N, C-alpha and C. Protein backbone atom coordinates (compact mmCIF):
# COMPACT_ATOMS: atom_id res chain seq x y z
N MET A 1 0.84 -1.18 0.00
CA MET A 1 0.00 0.00 0.00
C MET A 1 0.88 1.24 0.00
N ASP A 2 0.35 2.38 -0.44
CA ASP A 2 1.10 3.63 -0.50
C ASP A 2 0.94 4.46 0.77
N GLU A 3 -0.24 4.38 1.40
CA GLU A 3 -0.49 5.26 2.53
C GLU A 3 -1.63 4.73 3.38
N VAL A 4 -1.53 4.88 4.69
CA VAL A 4 -2.62 4.58 5.60
C VAL A 4 -3.37 5.88 5.87
N ASN A 5 -4.65 5.93 5.48
CA ASN A 5 -5.42 7.16 5.59
C ASN A 5 -6.02 7.38 6.97
N ASP A 6 -6.58 6.33 7.54
CA ASP A 6 -7.29 6.52 8.80
C ASP A 6 -7.69 5.16 9.34
N ALA A 7 -8.18 5.14 10.58
CA ALA A 7 -8.75 3.93 11.18
C ALA A 7 -10.14 4.30 11.68
N GLU A 8 -11.11 3.44 11.47
CA GLU A 8 -12.46 3.71 11.92
C GLU A 8 -13.21 2.41 12.16
N GLU A 9 -14.25 2.49 13.00
CA GLU A 9 -15.10 1.34 13.26
C GLU A 9 -16.08 1.18 12.11
N ILE A 10 -16.30 -0.06 11.69
CA ILE A 10 -17.17 -0.30 10.55
C ILE A 10 -18.11 -1.47 10.84
N VAL A 11 -19.17 -1.55 10.08
CA VAL A 11 -20.08 -2.69 10.11
C VAL A 11 -19.73 -3.59 8.93
N VAL A 12 -19.28 -4.80 9.22
CA VAL A 12 -18.84 -5.72 8.17
C VAL A 12 -20.04 -6.50 7.64
N LYS A 13 -20.21 -6.45 6.34
CA LYS A 13 -21.28 -7.20 5.69
C LYS A 13 -20.69 -8.40 4.96
N PRO A 14 -21.40 -9.53 4.95
CA PRO A 14 -20.88 -10.68 4.21
C PRO A 14 -20.90 -10.41 2.72
N LEU A 15 -19.98 -11.06 2.00
CA LEU A 15 -19.91 -10.92 0.56
C LEU A 15 -21.06 -11.64 -0.11
N SER A 16 -21.43 -11.19 -1.28
CA SER A 16 -22.47 -11.87 -2.05
C SER A 16 -21.94 -13.21 -2.53
N LYS A 17 -22.83 -14.07 -2.99
CA LYS A 17 -22.43 -15.40 -3.45
C LYS A 17 -21.42 -15.32 -4.59
N GLN A 18 -21.56 -14.27 -5.43
CA GLN A 18 -20.65 -14.14 -6.57
C GLN A 18 -19.22 -13.86 -6.15
N LEU A 19 -19.02 -13.24 -4.97
CA LEU A 19 -17.69 -12.84 -4.54
C LEU A 19 -17.10 -13.72 -3.45
N LYS A 20 -17.91 -14.64 -2.89
CA LYS A 20 -17.45 -15.44 -1.76
C LYS A 20 -16.22 -16.28 -2.10
N GLY A 21 -16.09 -16.67 -3.36
CA GLY A 21 -14.98 -17.53 -3.73
C GLY A 21 -13.66 -16.79 -3.90
N ILE A 22 -13.66 -15.45 -3.85
CA ILE A 22 -12.43 -14.68 -4.01
C ILE A 22 -11.76 -14.57 -2.64
N GLN A 23 -10.61 -15.20 -2.49
CA GLN A 23 -9.98 -15.33 -1.18
C GLN A 23 -9.35 -14.05 -0.66
N VAL A 24 -9.17 -13.03 -1.51
CA VAL A 24 -8.48 -11.83 -1.05
C VAL A 24 -9.41 -10.85 -0.34
N TYR A 25 -10.72 -11.13 -0.32
CA TYR A 25 -11.67 -10.25 0.34
C TYR A 25 -12.37 -10.99 1.48
N ALA A 26 -12.44 -10.31 2.64
CA ALA A 26 -13.07 -10.92 3.81
C ALA A 26 -14.50 -10.45 4.01
N GLY A 27 -14.91 -9.40 3.32
CA GLY A 27 -16.25 -8.87 3.46
C GLY A 27 -16.33 -7.50 2.82
N ALA A 28 -17.40 -6.77 3.14
CA ALA A 28 -17.60 -5.43 2.60
C ALA A 28 -18.20 -4.54 3.67
N THR A 29 -18.10 -3.23 3.46
CA THR A 29 -18.71 -2.29 4.39
C THR A 29 -19.18 -1.06 3.64
N ILE A 30 -20.06 -0.29 4.26
CA ILE A 30 -20.53 0.97 3.68
C ILE A 30 -19.85 2.10 4.44
N MET A 31 -19.10 2.94 3.73
CA MET A 31 -18.35 4.01 4.35
C MET A 31 -19.27 5.18 4.71
N GLY A 32 -18.71 6.14 5.42
CA GLY A 32 -19.49 7.29 5.87
C GLY A 32 -20.08 8.10 4.74
N ASP A 33 -19.41 8.09 3.56
CA ASP A 33 -19.93 8.86 2.42
C ASP A 33 -20.89 8.05 1.57
N GLY A 34 -21.21 6.81 2.02
CA GLY A 34 -22.18 5.98 1.31
C GLY A 34 -21.58 5.03 0.31
N HIS A 35 -20.28 5.13 0.05
CA HIS A 35 -19.63 4.24 -0.91
C HIS A 35 -19.36 2.86 -0.28
N VAL A 36 -19.43 1.83 -1.12
CA VAL A 36 -19.14 0.47 -0.67
C VAL A 36 -17.65 0.21 -0.79
N ALA A 37 -17.04 -0.35 0.27
CA ALA A 37 -15.61 -0.68 0.24
C ALA A 37 -15.42 -2.15 0.58
N LEU A 38 -14.55 -2.82 -0.18
CA LEU A 38 -14.22 -4.21 0.09
C LEU A 38 -13.15 -4.29 1.17
N ILE A 39 -13.21 -5.32 2.02
CA ILE A 39 -12.27 -5.50 3.13
C ILE A 39 -11.28 -6.59 2.75
N LEU A 40 -10.00 -6.27 2.78
CA LEU A 40 -8.97 -7.22 2.37
C LEU A 40 -8.80 -8.33 3.41
N ASP A 41 -8.57 -9.54 2.94
CA ASP A 41 -8.27 -10.69 3.79
C ASP A 41 -6.76 -10.91 3.70
N ILE A 42 -6.03 -10.51 4.74
CA ILE A 42 -4.56 -10.55 4.68
C ILE A 42 -4.03 -11.97 4.49
N PRO A 43 -4.52 -12.97 5.25
CA PRO A 43 -4.05 -14.34 4.99
C PRO A 43 -4.34 -14.79 3.56
N GLY A 44 -5.49 -14.37 3.04
CA GLY A 44 -5.83 -14.73 1.66
C GLY A 44 -4.87 -14.11 0.67
N LEU A 45 -4.50 -12.85 0.92
CA LEU A 45 -3.53 -12.18 0.06
C LEU A 45 -2.18 -12.89 0.10
N ALA A 46 -1.78 -13.28 1.32
CA ALA A 46 -0.49 -13.98 1.47
C ALA A 46 -0.49 -15.29 0.71
N GLN A 47 -1.62 -15.98 0.74
CA GLN A 47 -1.71 -17.25 0.03
C GLN A 47 -1.66 -17.03 -1.48
N GLN A 48 -2.36 -15.98 -1.96
CA GLN A 48 -2.39 -15.69 -3.39
C GLN A 48 -1.01 -15.33 -3.91
N SER A 49 -0.20 -14.66 -3.06
CA SER A 49 1.13 -14.21 -3.49
C SER A 49 2.21 -15.25 -3.17
N HIS A 50 1.78 -16.42 -2.65
CA HIS A 50 2.71 -17.50 -2.29
C HIS A 50 3.72 -17.05 -1.25
N ALA A 51 3.27 -16.17 -0.33
CA ALA A 51 4.15 -15.70 0.73
C ALA A 51 4.16 -16.63 1.93
N VAL A 52 3.38 -17.66 1.88
CA VAL A 52 3.35 -18.63 2.96
C VAL A 52 3.82 -19.97 2.41
N SER A 53 4.26 -20.82 3.30
CA SER A 53 4.77 -22.13 2.88
C SER A 53 3.62 -22.99 2.39
N GLU A 54 3.96 -24.03 1.66
CA GLU A 54 2.95 -24.94 1.12
C GLU A 54 2.14 -25.56 2.24
N MET A 55 2.81 -25.88 3.34
CA MET A 55 2.10 -26.48 4.47
C MET A 55 1.09 -25.51 5.04
N LYS A 56 1.51 -24.23 5.18
CA LYS A 56 0.60 -23.22 5.72
C LYS A 56 -0.54 -22.96 4.76
N GLU A 57 -0.24 -23.03 3.45
CA GLU A 57 -1.29 -22.84 2.46
C GLU A 57 -2.36 -23.90 2.60
N GLN A 58 -1.91 -25.16 2.75
CA GLN A 58 -2.86 -26.25 2.88
C GLN A 58 -3.68 -26.09 4.16
N SER A 59 -2.99 -25.68 5.23
CA SER A 59 -3.69 -25.48 6.49
C SER A 59 -4.71 -24.36 6.39
N HIS A 60 -4.30 -23.25 5.75
CA HIS A 60 -5.20 -22.11 5.59
C HIS A 60 -6.39 -22.48 4.71
N SER A 61 -6.09 -23.23 3.62
CA SER A 61 -7.15 -23.62 2.71
C SER A 61 -8.17 -24.50 3.40
N SER A 62 -7.66 -25.44 4.22
CA SER A 62 -8.55 -26.34 4.96
C SER A 62 -9.39 -25.57 5.96
N ALA A 63 -8.75 -24.62 6.67
CA ALA A 63 -9.48 -23.83 7.65
C ALA A 63 -10.51 -22.93 6.98
N ALA A 64 -10.13 -22.37 5.81
CA ALA A 64 -11.06 -21.49 5.10
C ALA A 64 -12.28 -22.26 4.63
N SER A 65 -12.04 -23.50 4.13
CA SER A 65 -13.17 -24.31 3.67
C SER A 65 -14.11 -24.61 4.82
N SER A 66 -13.51 -24.94 5.98
CA SER A 66 -14.32 -25.23 7.16
C SER A 66 -15.09 -24.01 7.61
N THR A 67 -14.42 -22.84 7.58
CA THR A 67 -15.06 -21.60 7.99
C THR A 67 -16.20 -21.24 7.06
N ASN A 68 -15.97 -21.38 5.74
CA ASN A 68 -17.02 -21.05 4.78
C ASN A 68 -18.21 -21.96 4.93
N ALA A 69 -17.96 -23.24 5.21
CA ALA A 69 -19.06 -24.18 5.39
C ALA A 69 -19.89 -23.80 6.61
N THR A 70 -19.18 -23.38 7.68
CA THR A 70 -19.89 -22.96 8.89
C THR A 70 -20.63 -21.66 8.67
N ALA A 71 -19.96 -20.73 7.93
CA ALA A 71 -20.58 -19.42 7.71
C ALA A 71 -21.87 -19.54 6.91
N ASP A 72 -21.90 -20.52 5.98
CA ASP A 72 -23.10 -20.71 5.17
C ASP A 72 -24.30 -21.05 6.03
N GLU A 73 -24.04 -21.64 7.22
CA GLU A 73 -25.13 -22.05 8.09
C GLU A 73 -25.45 -20.97 9.13
N ARG A 74 -24.65 -19.90 9.16
CA ARG A 74 -24.82 -18.87 10.17
C ARG A 74 -25.44 -17.62 9.57
N ASN A 75 -26.05 -16.82 10.42
CA ASN A 75 -26.69 -15.59 9.99
C ASN A 75 -26.02 -14.40 10.68
N THR A 76 -25.79 -13.34 9.94
CA THR A 76 -25.26 -12.12 10.52
C THR A 76 -26.42 -11.18 10.81
N LEU A 77 -26.57 -10.80 12.07
CA LEU A 77 -27.75 -10.07 12.50
C LEU A 77 -27.38 -8.83 13.30
N LEU A 78 -28.16 -7.78 13.13
CA LEU A 78 -28.03 -6.56 13.91
C LEU A 78 -29.04 -6.65 15.06
N VAL A 79 -28.55 -6.71 16.28
CA VAL A 79 -29.43 -6.87 17.45
C VAL A 79 -29.73 -5.50 18.04
N CYS A 80 -31.03 -5.23 18.29
CA CYS A 80 -31.46 -3.92 18.76
C CYS A 80 -32.40 -4.07 19.96
N ARG A 81 -32.47 -2.99 20.72
CA ARG A 81 -33.46 -2.92 21.81
C ARG A 81 -34.64 -2.10 21.32
N THR A 82 -35.85 -2.62 21.58
CA THR A 82 -37.07 -1.90 21.27
C THR A 82 -37.86 -1.72 22.56
N GLY A 83 -38.33 -0.49 22.83
CA GLY A 83 -38.97 -0.23 24.10
C GLY A 83 -37.97 -0.35 25.24
N ARG A 84 -38.47 -0.61 26.44
CA ARG A 84 -37.56 -0.73 27.59
C ARG A 84 -36.79 -2.03 27.57
N GLU A 85 -37.48 -3.13 27.23
CA GLU A 85 -36.85 -4.44 27.37
C GLU A 85 -36.97 -5.31 26.12
N GLY A 86 -37.65 -4.82 25.08
CA GLY A 86 -37.81 -5.63 23.88
C GLY A 86 -36.48 -5.86 23.18
N ARG A 87 -36.35 -6.98 22.53
CA ARG A 87 -35.08 -7.36 21.88
C ARG A 87 -35.42 -7.96 20.52
N MET A 88 -34.90 -7.33 19.46
CA MET A 88 -35.18 -7.80 18.11
C MET A 88 -33.89 -7.80 17.31
N ALA A 89 -33.87 -8.60 16.26
CA ALA A 89 -32.70 -8.68 15.39
C ALA A 89 -33.14 -8.43 13.95
N ILE A 90 -32.29 -7.73 13.21
CA ILE A 90 -32.55 -7.43 11.81
C ILE A 90 -31.45 -8.06 10.97
N PRO A 91 -31.79 -8.87 9.95
CA PRO A 91 -30.74 -9.45 9.09
C PRO A 91 -29.86 -8.35 8.51
N LEU A 92 -28.57 -8.48 8.68
CA LEU A 92 -27.65 -7.43 8.24
C LEU A 92 -27.71 -7.23 6.73
N SER A 93 -28.10 -8.27 6.01
CA SER A 93 -28.20 -8.16 4.55
C SER A 93 -29.27 -7.17 4.12
N THR A 94 -30.21 -6.83 5.03
CA THR A 94 -31.27 -5.87 4.69
C THR A 94 -30.94 -4.46 5.16
N VAL A 95 -29.78 -4.28 5.79
CA VAL A 95 -29.40 -2.98 6.35
C VAL A 95 -28.52 -2.22 5.35
N ALA A 96 -28.97 -1.03 4.95
CA ALA A 96 -28.17 -0.21 4.05
C ALA A 96 -27.22 0.69 4.84
N ARG A 97 -27.75 1.32 5.90
CA ARG A 97 -26.94 2.22 6.72
C ARG A 97 -27.53 2.30 8.12
N LEU A 98 -26.71 2.75 9.05
CA LEU A 98 -27.17 3.09 10.40
C LEU A 98 -27.05 4.60 10.53
N GLU A 99 -28.16 5.24 10.91
CA GLU A 99 -28.17 6.69 11.00
C GLU A 99 -28.70 7.14 12.35
N GLU A 100 -28.40 8.39 12.70
CA GLU A 100 -28.94 9.00 13.90
C GLU A 100 -29.48 10.37 13.52
N PHE A 101 -30.75 10.62 13.84
CA PHE A 101 -31.39 11.87 13.50
C PHE A 101 -31.83 12.60 14.77
N PRO A 102 -31.70 13.92 14.80
CA PRO A 102 -32.25 14.66 15.93
C PRO A 102 -33.77 14.54 15.92
N ARG A 103 -34.37 14.43 17.09
CA ARG A 103 -35.83 14.29 17.17
C ARG A 103 -36.54 15.47 16.50
N SER A 104 -35.88 16.62 16.50
CA SER A 104 -36.48 17.81 15.89
C SER A 104 -36.61 17.71 14.37
N SER A 105 -35.92 16.71 13.76
CA SER A 105 -35.97 16.58 12.29
C SER A 105 -37.20 15.80 11.82
N ILE A 106 -37.99 15.26 12.76
CA ILE A 106 -39.17 14.48 12.38
C ILE A 106 -40.24 15.39 11.78
N GLU A 107 -40.73 15.00 10.62
CA GLU A 107 -41.84 15.69 9.96
C GLU A 107 -42.92 14.66 9.65
N PHE A 108 -43.93 15.05 8.89
CA PHE A 108 -45.01 14.11 8.57
C PHE A 108 -45.30 14.15 7.07
N ALA A 109 -45.51 12.97 6.51
CA ALA A 109 -45.88 12.84 5.10
C ALA A 109 -46.87 11.69 4.98
N GLY A 110 -48.03 11.97 4.38
CA GLY A 110 -49.05 10.93 4.27
C GLY A 110 -49.56 10.49 5.62
N GLY A 111 -49.52 11.41 6.60
CA GLY A 111 -50.01 11.07 7.93
C GLY A 111 -49.06 10.23 8.76
N ARG A 112 -47.82 10.06 8.29
CA ARG A 112 -46.85 9.24 9.00
C ARG A 112 -45.57 10.01 9.27
N GLU A 113 -44.84 9.59 10.29
CA GLU A 113 -43.56 10.22 10.59
C GLU A 113 -42.56 9.98 9.46
N ALA A 114 -41.77 11.00 9.19
CA ALA A 114 -40.77 10.89 8.13
C ALA A 114 -39.64 11.88 8.42
N VAL A 115 -38.51 11.66 7.75
CA VAL A 115 -37.40 12.61 7.82
C VAL A 115 -36.90 12.86 6.40
N GLN A 116 -36.25 13.99 6.21
CA GLN A 116 -35.60 14.26 4.93
C GLN A 116 -34.27 13.52 4.92
N TYR A 117 -34.07 12.71 3.88
CA TYR A 117 -32.88 11.87 3.83
C TYR A 117 -32.34 11.83 2.40
N ARG A 118 -31.20 12.46 2.20
CA ARG A 118 -30.54 12.46 0.90
C ARG A 118 -31.45 12.97 -0.21
N GLY A 119 -32.15 14.05 0.09
CA GLY A 119 -33.01 14.67 -0.91
C GLY A 119 -34.35 13.99 -1.10
N GLU A 120 -34.64 12.97 -0.30
CA GLU A 120 -35.90 12.24 -0.41
C GLU A 120 -36.64 12.30 0.93
N ILE A 121 -37.92 11.92 0.89
CA ILE A 121 -38.71 11.80 2.12
C ILE A 121 -38.68 10.34 2.54
N MET A 122 -38.07 10.07 3.69
CA MET A 122 -37.95 8.69 4.16
C MET A 122 -38.95 8.44 5.31
N PRO A 123 -39.93 7.56 5.08
CA PRO A 123 -40.87 7.23 6.16
C PRO A 123 -40.18 6.49 7.29
N LEU A 124 -40.68 6.69 8.51
CA LEU A 124 -40.12 6.03 9.68
C LEU A 124 -41.12 5.04 10.26
N LEU A 125 -40.63 3.89 10.67
CA LEU A 125 -41.43 2.88 11.37
C LEU A 125 -40.77 2.63 12.72
N ARG A 126 -41.46 2.94 13.78
CA ARG A 126 -40.93 2.69 15.12
C ARG A 126 -41.22 1.24 15.50
N LEU A 127 -40.18 0.44 15.69
CA LEU A 127 -40.38 -0.97 16.01
C LEU A 127 -41.10 -1.14 17.34
N SER A 128 -40.88 -0.24 18.29
CA SER A 128 -41.55 -0.37 19.58
C SER A 128 -43.07 -0.25 19.42
N GLU A 129 -43.52 0.61 18.48
CA GLU A 129 -44.95 0.75 18.23
C GLU A 129 -45.48 -0.39 17.37
N GLN A 130 -44.70 -0.80 16.40
CA GLN A 130 -45.13 -1.87 15.50
C GLN A 130 -45.37 -3.18 16.24
N PHE A 131 -44.55 -3.42 17.27
CA PHE A 131 -44.63 -4.70 17.96
C PHE A 131 -45.07 -4.58 19.42
N GLY A 132 -45.62 -3.44 19.78
CA GLY A 132 -46.19 -3.29 21.12
C GLY A 132 -45.19 -3.37 22.24
N ALA A 133 -43.95 -2.89 22.00
CA ALA A 133 -42.93 -2.89 23.05
C ALA A 133 -43.09 -1.61 23.87
N ALA A 134 -43.39 -1.75 25.13
CA ALA A 134 -43.67 -0.59 25.97
C ALA A 134 -42.41 0.19 26.31
N GLY A 135 -42.59 1.50 26.52
CA GLY A 135 -41.50 2.31 27.06
C GLY A 135 -40.47 2.75 26.07
N GLY A 136 -40.88 3.31 24.92
CA GLY A 136 -39.92 3.87 23.98
C GLY A 136 -39.23 5.09 24.58
N ASP A 137 -38.04 5.39 24.06
CA ASP A 137 -37.26 6.52 24.59
C ASP A 137 -37.79 7.84 24.04
N GLU A 138 -38.97 8.24 24.52
CA GLU A 138 -39.59 9.46 24.01
C GLU A 138 -38.82 10.71 24.40
N GLU A 139 -38.04 10.64 25.48
CA GLU A 139 -37.32 11.81 25.94
C GLU A 139 -35.92 11.93 25.33
N SER A 140 -35.52 10.94 24.58
CA SER A 140 -34.19 10.99 23.97
C SER A 140 -34.14 12.10 22.93
N ALA A 141 -33.00 12.77 22.84
CA ALA A 141 -32.86 13.90 21.91
C ALA A 141 -32.67 13.45 20.47
N SER A 142 -32.34 12.19 20.26
CA SER A 142 -32.08 11.70 18.91
C SER A 142 -32.72 10.33 18.69
N LEU A 143 -32.83 9.97 17.42
CA LEU A 143 -33.40 8.68 17.02
C LEU A 143 -32.31 7.83 16.39
N GLN A 144 -32.21 6.57 16.80
CA GLN A 144 -31.33 5.62 16.13
C GLN A 144 -32.15 4.91 15.07
N VAL A 145 -31.70 4.97 13.84
CA VAL A 145 -32.49 4.50 12.71
C VAL A 145 -31.68 3.52 11.87
N VAL A 146 -32.30 2.38 11.58
CA VAL A 146 -31.73 1.38 10.67
C VAL A 146 -32.37 1.61 9.31
N VAL A 147 -31.57 1.96 8.32
CA VAL A 147 -32.09 2.30 7.00
C VAL A 147 -32.10 1.08 6.09
N HIS A 148 -33.28 0.81 5.51
CA HIS A 148 -33.42 -0.26 4.52
C HIS A 148 -33.71 0.40 3.19
N THR A 149 -32.94 0.06 2.15
CA THR A 149 -33.10 0.68 0.84
C THR A 149 -33.32 -0.38 -0.22
N ARG A 150 -34.29 -0.10 -1.08
CA ARG A 150 -34.53 -1.01 -2.20
C ARG A 150 -35.02 -0.19 -3.38
N ALA A 151 -34.47 -0.45 -4.55
CA ALA A 151 -34.85 0.23 -5.79
C ALA A 151 -34.82 1.75 -5.63
N GLY A 152 -33.82 2.24 -4.89
CA GLY A 152 -33.65 3.66 -4.76
C GLY A 152 -34.56 4.35 -3.76
N ARG A 153 -35.33 3.59 -3.02
CA ARG A 153 -36.22 4.18 -2.03
C ARG A 153 -35.92 3.60 -0.66
N SER A 154 -35.94 4.45 0.37
CA SER A 154 -35.52 4.02 1.70
C SER A 154 -36.65 4.14 2.72
N VAL A 155 -36.57 3.29 3.74
CA VAL A 155 -37.46 3.37 4.89
C VAL A 155 -36.58 3.24 6.13
N GLY A 156 -36.92 3.98 7.18
CA GLY A 156 -36.12 3.94 8.40
C GLY A 156 -36.82 3.20 9.52
N LEU A 157 -36.15 2.23 10.11
CA LEU A 157 -36.68 1.48 11.25
C LEU A 157 -36.09 2.10 12.51
N VAL A 158 -36.94 2.68 13.34
CA VAL A 158 -36.48 3.37 14.55
C VAL A 158 -36.38 2.37 15.69
N VAL A 159 -35.21 2.32 16.33
CA VAL A 159 -34.99 1.45 17.49
C VAL A 159 -34.52 2.30 18.66
N GLU A 160 -34.66 1.77 19.87
CA GLU A 160 -34.20 2.51 21.04
C GLU A 160 -32.67 2.46 21.17
N GLN A 161 -32.09 1.32 20.81
CA GLN A 161 -30.64 1.18 20.95
C GLN A 161 -30.14 0.04 20.07
N ILE A 162 -29.02 0.26 19.39
CA ILE A 162 -28.36 -0.81 18.65
C ILE A 162 -27.40 -1.49 19.61
N LEU A 163 -27.63 -2.77 19.86
CA LEU A 163 -26.88 -3.49 20.89
C LEU A 163 -25.62 -4.17 20.38
N ASP A 164 -25.73 -4.84 19.23
CA ASP A 164 -24.59 -5.67 18.81
C ASP A 164 -24.81 -6.16 17.39
N ILE A 165 -23.75 -6.66 16.79
CA ILE A 165 -23.83 -7.42 15.54
C ILE A 165 -23.33 -8.82 15.85
N VAL A 166 -24.15 -9.82 15.57
CA VAL A 166 -23.79 -11.19 15.90
C VAL A 166 -23.85 -12.06 14.66
N GLU A 167 -23.05 -13.09 14.67
CA GLU A 167 -23.10 -14.11 13.61
C GLU A 167 -23.32 -15.44 14.30
N GLU A 168 -24.52 -15.96 14.18
CA GLU A 168 -24.87 -17.19 14.88
C GLU A 168 -25.68 -18.11 13.98
N ASN A 169 -25.67 -19.37 14.35
CA ASN A 169 -26.52 -20.35 13.69
C ASN A 169 -27.93 -20.17 14.25
N CYS A 170 -28.76 -19.46 13.53
CA CYS A 170 -30.05 -19.00 14.04
C CYS A 170 -31.14 -20.04 13.74
N VAL A 171 -31.74 -20.58 14.78
CA VAL A 171 -32.80 -21.58 14.62
C VAL A 171 -34.12 -20.96 15.07
N ILE A 172 -35.02 -20.74 14.12
CA ILE A 172 -36.33 -20.17 14.43
C ILE A 172 -37.17 -21.21 15.16
N GLN A 173 -37.72 -20.83 16.29
CA GLN A 173 -38.54 -21.74 17.09
C GLN A 173 -39.96 -21.81 16.53
N ALA A 174 -40.50 -22.99 16.44
CA ALA A 174 -41.85 -23.18 15.90
C ALA A 174 -42.88 -22.44 16.76
N GLY A 175 -43.87 -21.88 16.08
CA GLY A 175 -44.97 -21.23 16.78
C GLY A 175 -44.66 -19.85 17.31
N THR A 176 -43.54 -19.23 16.89
CA THR A 176 -43.17 -17.92 17.43
C THR A 176 -43.34 -16.80 16.41
N ARG A 177 -43.78 -17.15 15.21
CA ARG A 177 -43.88 -16.12 14.17
C ARG A 177 -45.17 -15.30 14.34
N ARG A 178 -45.04 -14.00 14.12
CA ARG A 178 -46.21 -13.12 14.07
C ARG A 178 -45.99 -12.12 12.94
N ALA A 179 -47.02 -11.35 12.63
CA ALA A 179 -46.94 -10.41 11.51
C ALA A 179 -45.75 -9.48 11.67
N GLY A 180 -44.96 -9.36 10.61
CA GLY A 180 -43.80 -8.48 10.63
C GLY A 180 -42.53 -9.12 11.14
N THR A 181 -42.59 -10.39 11.52
CA THR A 181 -41.39 -11.09 11.99
C THR A 181 -41.23 -12.42 11.25
N LEU A 182 -40.02 -12.95 11.33
CA LEU A 182 -39.74 -14.28 10.79
C LEU A 182 -39.89 -15.35 11.86
N GLY A 183 -40.11 -14.89 13.10
CA GLY A 183 -40.20 -15.79 14.25
C GLY A 183 -39.17 -15.39 15.29
N ALA A 184 -39.02 -16.21 16.30
CA ALA A 184 -38.08 -15.92 17.38
C ALA A 184 -37.04 -17.03 17.49
N ALA A 185 -35.84 -16.63 17.95
CA ALA A 185 -34.75 -17.58 18.14
C ALA A 185 -34.01 -17.18 19.42
N ILE A 186 -33.11 -18.06 19.86
CA ILE A 186 -32.28 -17.75 21.02
C ILE A 186 -30.93 -17.26 20.51
N LEU A 187 -30.65 -15.97 20.75
CA LEU A 187 -29.39 -15.36 20.34
C LEU A 187 -28.69 -14.82 21.58
N GLN A 188 -27.45 -15.16 21.75
CA GLN A 188 -26.68 -14.73 22.92
C GLN A 188 -27.42 -15.11 24.20
N GLN A 189 -28.04 -16.29 24.17
CA GLN A 189 -28.75 -16.84 25.32
C GLN A 189 -29.98 -16.02 25.71
N LYS A 190 -30.51 -15.25 24.77
CA LYS A 190 -31.71 -14.46 25.03
C LYS A 190 -32.71 -14.65 23.89
N VAL A 191 -33.99 -14.68 24.23
CA VAL A 191 -35.03 -14.81 23.22
C VAL A 191 -35.07 -13.53 22.40
N THR A 192 -34.98 -13.67 21.09
CA THR A 192 -34.89 -12.52 20.19
C THR A 192 -35.77 -12.75 18.97
N GLU A 193 -36.64 -11.79 18.67
CA GLU A 193 -37.47 -11.88 17.47
C GLU A 193 -36.71 -11.33 16.28
N LEU A 194 -36.87 -11.96 15.11
CA LEU A 194 -36.22 -11.52 13.89
C LEU A 194 -37.21 -10.73 13.04
N VAL A 195 -36.83 -9.53 12.68
CA VAL A 195 -37.72 -8.66 11.91
C VAL A 195 -37.75 -9.10 10.45
N ASP A 196 -38.95 -9.24 9.90
CA ASP A 196 -39.14 -9.46 8.47
C ASP A 196 -39.30 -8.07 7.87
N VAL A 197 -38.19 -7.48 7.44
CA VAL A 197 -38.19 -6.07 7.05
C VAL A 197 -39.17 -5.80 5.91
N GLU A 198 -39.06 -6.57 4.84
CA GLU A 198 -39.94 -6.32 3.70
C GLU A 198 -41.40 -6.60 4.07
N GLY A 199 -41.63 -7.63 4.85
CA GLY A 199 -43.00 -7.93 5.29
C GLY A 199 -43.57 -6.81 6.13
N LEU A 200 -42.75 -6.24 7.00
CA LEU A 200 -43.19 -5.15 7.87
C LEU A 200 -43.52 -3.90 7.05
N VAL A 201 -42.67 -3.61 6.06
CA VAL A 201 -42.92 -2.44 5.21
C VAL A 201 -44.22 -2.63 4.44
N ARG A 202 -44.40 -3.80 3.85
CA ARG A 202 -45.63 -4.06 3.09
C ARG A 202 -46.86 -4.02 3.98
N GLN A 203 -46.70 -4.44 5.21
CA GLN A 203 -47.80 -4.42 6.17
C GLN A 203 -48.30 -2.98 6.39
N ASN A 204 -47.38 -2.03 6.36
CA ASN A 204 -47.72 -0.62 6.56
C ASN A 204 -48.07 0.09 5.27
N ASP A 205 -47.46 -0.34 4.17
CA ASP A 205 -47.71 0.29 2.86
C ASP A 205 -47.52 -0.77 1.78
N PRO A 206 -48.61 -1.47 1.41
CA PRO A 206 -48.50 -2.58 0.45
C PRO A 206 -47.88 -2.20 -0.89
N SER A 207 -47.96 -0.93 -1.27
CA SER A 207 -47.46 -0.52 -2.59
C SER A 207 -46.07 0.12 -2.52
N PHE A 208 -45.44 0.09 -1.34
CA PHE A 208 -44.17 0.81 -1.16
C PHE A 208 -43.12 0.38 -2.18
N PHE A 209 -42.89 -0.92 -2.32
CA PHE A 209 -41.83 -1.38 -3.21
C PHE A 209 -42.23 -1.23 -4.67
N GLU A 210 -43.51 -1.40 -4.97
CA GLU A 210 -43.98 -1.21 -6.33
C GLU A 210 -43.79 0.23 -6.76
N GLU A 211 -44.10 1.17 -5.83
CA GLU A 211 -43.90 2.59 -6.13
C GLU A 211 -42.43 2.90 -6.32
N ALA A 212 -41.58 2.21 -5.55
CA ALA A 212 -40.13 2.41 -5.69
C ALA A 212 -39.67 2.02 -7.08
N VAL A 213 -40.18 0.89 -7.58
CA VAL A 213 -39.80 0.41 -8.91
C VAL A 213 -40.29 1.38 -9.97
N LEU A 214 -41.53 1.87 -9.81
CA LEU A 214 -42.09 2.81 -10.79
C LEU A 214 -41.30 4.12 -10.80
N ALA A 215 -40.92 4.58 -9.58
CA ALA A 215 -40.16 5.82 -9.50
C ALA A 215 -38.81 5.68 -10.18
N THR A 216 -38.18 4.52 -10.00
CA THR A 216 -36.88 4.27 -10.62
C THR A 216 -37.02 4.22 -12.14
N ALA A 217 -38.07 3.55 -12.62
CA ALA A 217 -38.30 3.45 -14.05
C ALA A 217 -38.58 4.81 -14.67
N GLY A 218 -39.32 5.65 -13.92
CA GLY A 218 -39.63 6.99 -14.41
C GLY A 218 -38.43 7.87 -14.51
N ALA A 219 -37.46 7.63 -13.60
CA ALA A 219 -36.23 8.44 -13.61
C ALA A 219 -35.41 8.12 -14.84
């Protein structure tokens, strides 16, 4: 490399199926300016450049195969608090960005809460209200928002607190599904509901994604 620019905390997203086989990349992230950046896999680079011994290459290859097989069975999830004690997880693959808005930026469009976001009107869905979680942080000066974007249109999921990003083998328990969720599982030894993001959006606005496609086509 020519220069180290900076160090920062990032949210690592898994690579798409088309890129998983490329050993020099360990994942991807969305930078502060909205651009997507690939994350280099240093051991993978060393193997590609033959900087490791044949024995180490075989060991790394075997470990990578094992890791990939395990990763295929695991889910990367953004765990959030809703209300005072509610706990929900959002598949990281549905998360475009994590944002924080001052409460004073809330406006209304179509009778619903919204904020101005990148020149567009982004509707807000409060998970605590959607799922009956008591005790939202009404006195907080800012909103923590998980942004979901599809076909150029975004919706913001308001949570009380972003707790963690976990990668676990997620087993949905039978009989735990309700509208707007995929069901519940045990994550980090706690019962956690998984948000069905697209289902939740359609539940509130059945034409949201169709309108997004039409708007994109019109552009």
